Amino acid sequence: MMNKILVSACLMGFKVRYDGSEKAQMVDQLHRWQKEQRLVIHCPELAAGLPTPRPPAEIVSAEGKDVMPKQVRIVEITGQDVTEQYQLGAWLALRTAQESGCTAALLTDGSPTCGSQFIYDGSFSGKRKAGMGIAASLLTEHGIAVFSENRLADLIAWIDEKER
C-alpha cells in the first residue's frame, strides 16, 4: 500500500508563509513522491482564510495541544487574538489528511500551526522551545505521524518500513 503524505505548501515552494516567503525543500525524494501522487499539498493557515502576508503569530506560553481545548491563545505580534482561525486551520488540515488517506505529514517546524519539534515561546523574541503547533498536535492525536522538514530522512525510513 502506498502511503500518502500531507505536506506543508511552503515546503513545496508556495509563497504562503506569514511573511509571503516559502521554504522550498524539493529534494529528490519529495519530487519522486510528487510524481507518484503521494503528496497532498496543504497550508492550514491559508485554508482557514488567513492572508499572505500576515503578522507573525505565536502560541502564548504553551503549545498546540493546549490550544484546541481553549486553554491558551494564539496571538499575532499586533496583539490580535487569532486562536479561532488557527483552530479552524488545524481541523481543516486533519480533514484534508483523513479524506486524502494520509498516514504521515511533513510540516514546517517553528510554526504555531505546523511545528513538530519546536515552536516559538510566545514572547516574539525569537526564543524557541520544544513543542508542537496546533495542527501538528491534532494530526498526531489522530494517528497521523508528523515529521518536520529537518526529519525528512526519518520520514523516508518510516515510509520504507510501512511499505515493506
Protein backbone atom coordinates (compact mmCIF):
# COMPACT_ATOMS: atom_id res chain seq x y z
CA MET A 1 0.00 0.00 0.00
CA MET A 2 1.29 3.44 -0.95
CA ASN A 3 1.29 5.88 1.97
CA LYS A 4 0.16 9.43 1.26
CA ILE A 5 1.79 12.41 2.95
CA LEU A 6 0.26 15.75 3.87
CA VAL A 7 2.99 18.31 3.16
CA SER A 8 3.22 21.99 4.06
CA ALA A 9 2.67 24.06 0.93
CA CYS A 10 5.62 26.31 1.79
CA LEU A 11 7.96 23.30 1.63
CA MET A 12 6.86 22.77 -1.96
CA GLY A 13 7.76 26.32 -2.97
CA PHE A 14 4.43 28.08 -2.48
CA LYS A 15 4.86 31.57 -1.00
CA VAL A 16 2.30 31.13 1.77
CA ARG A 17 4.31 31.72 4.94
CA TYR A 18 3.38 34.60 7.23
CA ASP A 19 5.94 36.84 5.51
CA GLY A 20 5.00 35.77 1.98
CA SER A 21 8.02 33.51 1.61
CA GLU A 22 8.46 29.79 1.05
CA LYS A 23 10.78 27.12 2.45
CA ALA A 24 11.22 25.02 -0.66
CA GLN A 25 12.57 21.59 0.20
CA MET A 26 12.04 19.95 -3.20
CA VAL A 27 14.74 17.37 -2.75
CA ASP A 28 14.82 14.33 -5.00
CA GLN A 29 12.67 12.27 -2.63
CA LEU A 30 9.85 14.81 -2.49
CA HIS A 31 9.99 15.22 -6.26
CA ARG A 32 9.68 11.45 -6.66
CA TRP A 33 6.79 11.28 -4.20
CA GLN A 34 5.07 14.10 -6.04
CA LYS A 35 5.37 12.20 -9.33
CA GLU A 36 3.92 9.14 -7.57
CA GLN A 37 0.97 11.30 -6.45
CA ARG A 38 1.67 10.61 -2.77
CA LEU A 39 1.79 14.24 -1.69
CA VAL A 40 -1.21 16.23 -0.54
CA ILE A 41 -0.02 19.84 -0.54
CA HIS A 42 -1.80 21.96 2.05
CA CYS A 43 -1.45 25.17 4.06
CA PRO A 44 -3.69 25.12 7.15
CA GLU A 45 -3.40 28.87 7.66
CA LEU A 46 -4.49 29.72 4.12
CA ALA A 47 -7.24 27.08 4.28
CA ALA A 48 -8.57 28.91 7.36
CA GLY A 49 -8.70 32.18 5.45
CA LEU A 50 -5.63 33.91 6.87
CA PRO A 51 -3.97 36.25 4.36
CA THR A 52 -0.44 36.22 2.97
CA PRO A 53 1.46 38.07 4.19
CA ARG A 54 0.12 38.22 7.74
CA PRO A 55 1.58 39.31 11.07
CA PRO A 56 3.69 36.68 12.84
CA ALA A 57 1.70 34.67 15.39
CA GLU A 58 2.81 32.61 18.37
CA ILE A 59 1.18 30.34 20.92
CA VAL A 60 1.16 32.19 24.23
CA SER A 61 3.04 30.31 26.96
CA ALA A 62 2.05 26.76 25.92
CA GLU A 63 1.94 24.50 22.86
CA GLY A 64 -0.51 23.31 20.22
CA LYS A 65 -2.19 20.56 22.23
CA ASP A 66 -3.34 23.20 24.71
CA VAL A 67 -4.98 25.42 22.08
CA MET A 68 -7.75 23.08 20.90
CA PRO A 69 -9.37 22.80 24.34
CA LYS A 70 -9.03 26.61 24.55
CA GLN A 71 -6.62 26.54 27.46
CA VAL A 72 -4.36 29.07 25.73
CA ARG A 73 -4.39 31.53 22.86
CA ILE A 74 -2.56 32.20 19.63
CA VAL A 75 -1.88 35.89 19.12
CA GLU A 76 -0.28 37.96 16.42
CA ILE A 77 2.59 40.30 17.20
CA THR A 78 -0.03 43.08 16.97
CA GLY A 79 -1.90 41.57 19.94
CA GLN A 80 -4.79 40.35 17.76
CA ASP A 81 -6.18 37.02 19.03
CA VAL A 82 -6.26 34.58 16.09
CA THR A 83 -6.92 31.41 18.09
CA GLU A 84 -10.14 30.56 16.26
CA GLN A 85 -8.57 30.89 12.81
CA TYR A 86 -5.69 28.61 13.82
CA GLN A 87 -8.10 26.10 15.35
CA LEU A 88 -10.04 26.06 12.07
CA GLY A 89 -6.79 25.61 10.14
CA ALA A 90 -5.85 22.62 12.31
CA TRP A 91 -9.25 20.97 11.80
CA LEU A 92 -9.04 21.58 8.04
CA ALA A 93 -5.56 20.03 7.94
CA LEU A 94 -6.87 16.98 9.78
CA ARG A 95 -9.89 16.68 7.49
CA THR A 96 -7.72 17.06 4.39
CA ALA A 97 -5.29 14.40 5.65
CA GLN A 98 -8.07 11.98 6.57
CA GLU A 99 -10.08 12.46 3.37
CA SER A 100 -6.93 12.02 1.28
CA GLY A 101 -5.81 8.90 3.16
CA CYS A 102 -2.61 10.45 4.53
CA THR A 103 -0.72 8.36 7.08
CA ALA A 104 2.04 10.93 7.61
CA ALA A 105 2.65 14.67 7.43
CA LEU A 106 5.76 16.66 6.58
CA LEU A 107 5.35 20.07 8.19
CA THR A 108 7.34 23.26 8.70
CA ASP A 109 8.98 23.43 12.10
CA GLY A 110 8.63 26.51 14.29
CA SER A 111 5.17 27.42 13.07
CA PRO A 112 2.35 27.80 15.63
CA THR A 113 0.40 25.57 13.25
CA CYS A 114 2.87 23.10 11.79
CA GLY A 115 5.80 22.99 14.23
CA SER A 116 6.51 19.45 15.35
CA GLN A 117 9.84 19.65 17.16
CA PHE A 118 9.83 23.29 18.25
CA ILE A 119 7.66 26.38 18.36
CA TYR A 120 8.35 29.91 19.50
CA ASP A 121 7.73 30.76 23.15
CA GLY A 122 5.01 33.41 22.68
CA SER A 123 7.21 36.39 23.51
CA PHE A 124 8.02 37.32 19.87
CA SER A 125 11.67 37.47 20.88
CA GLY A 126 12.84 34.65 18.62
CA LYS A 127 13.18 32.22 21.54
CA ARG A 128 12.31 28.65 20.63
CA LYS A 129 11.10 25.86 22.84
CA ALA A 130 10.35 22.19 22.35
CA GLY A 131 6.74 21.62 21.40
CA MET A 132 4.20 21.19 18.66
CA GLY A 133 1.95 23.59 16.81
CA ILE A 134 -1.80 23.21 16.81
CA ALA A 135 -2.20 21.26 13.52
CA ALA A 136 0.81 19.02 14.20
CA SER A 137 -0.62 18.20 17.61
CA LEU A 138 -4.11 17.46 16.26
CA LEU A 139 -2.75 15.26 13.45
CA THR A 140 -0.63 13.33 15.94
CA GLU A 141 -3.60 12.85 18.27
CA HIS A 142 -5.50 11.29 15.36
CA GLY A 143 -2.77 8.80 14.45
CA ILE A 144 -1.02 10.66 11.63
CA ALA A 145 2.77 10.54 12.00
CA VAL A 146 4.20 14.06 11.87
CA PHE A 147 7.73 14.91 10.73
CA SER A 148 9.49 18.27 10.40
CA GLU A 149 11.36 19.25 7.27
CA ASN A 150 14.55 18.60 9.26
CA ARG A 151 13.49 14.97 9.74
CA LEU A 152 12.95 14.07 6.08
CA ALA A 153 15.35 11.11 6.43
CA ASP A 154 13.21 9.79 9.31
CA LEU A 155 10.08 10.12 7.19
CA ILE A 156 11.73 8.23 4.32
CA ALA A 157 12.73 5.43 6.71
CA TRP A 158 9.22 5.40 8.23
CA ILE A 159 7.59 5.12 4.78
CA ASP A 160 10.04 2.39 3.73
CA GLU A 161 9.28 0.40 6.89
CA LYS A 162 5.49 0.79 6.48
CA GLU A 163 5.63 -0.38 2.86
CA ARG A 164 7.81 -3.44 3.36
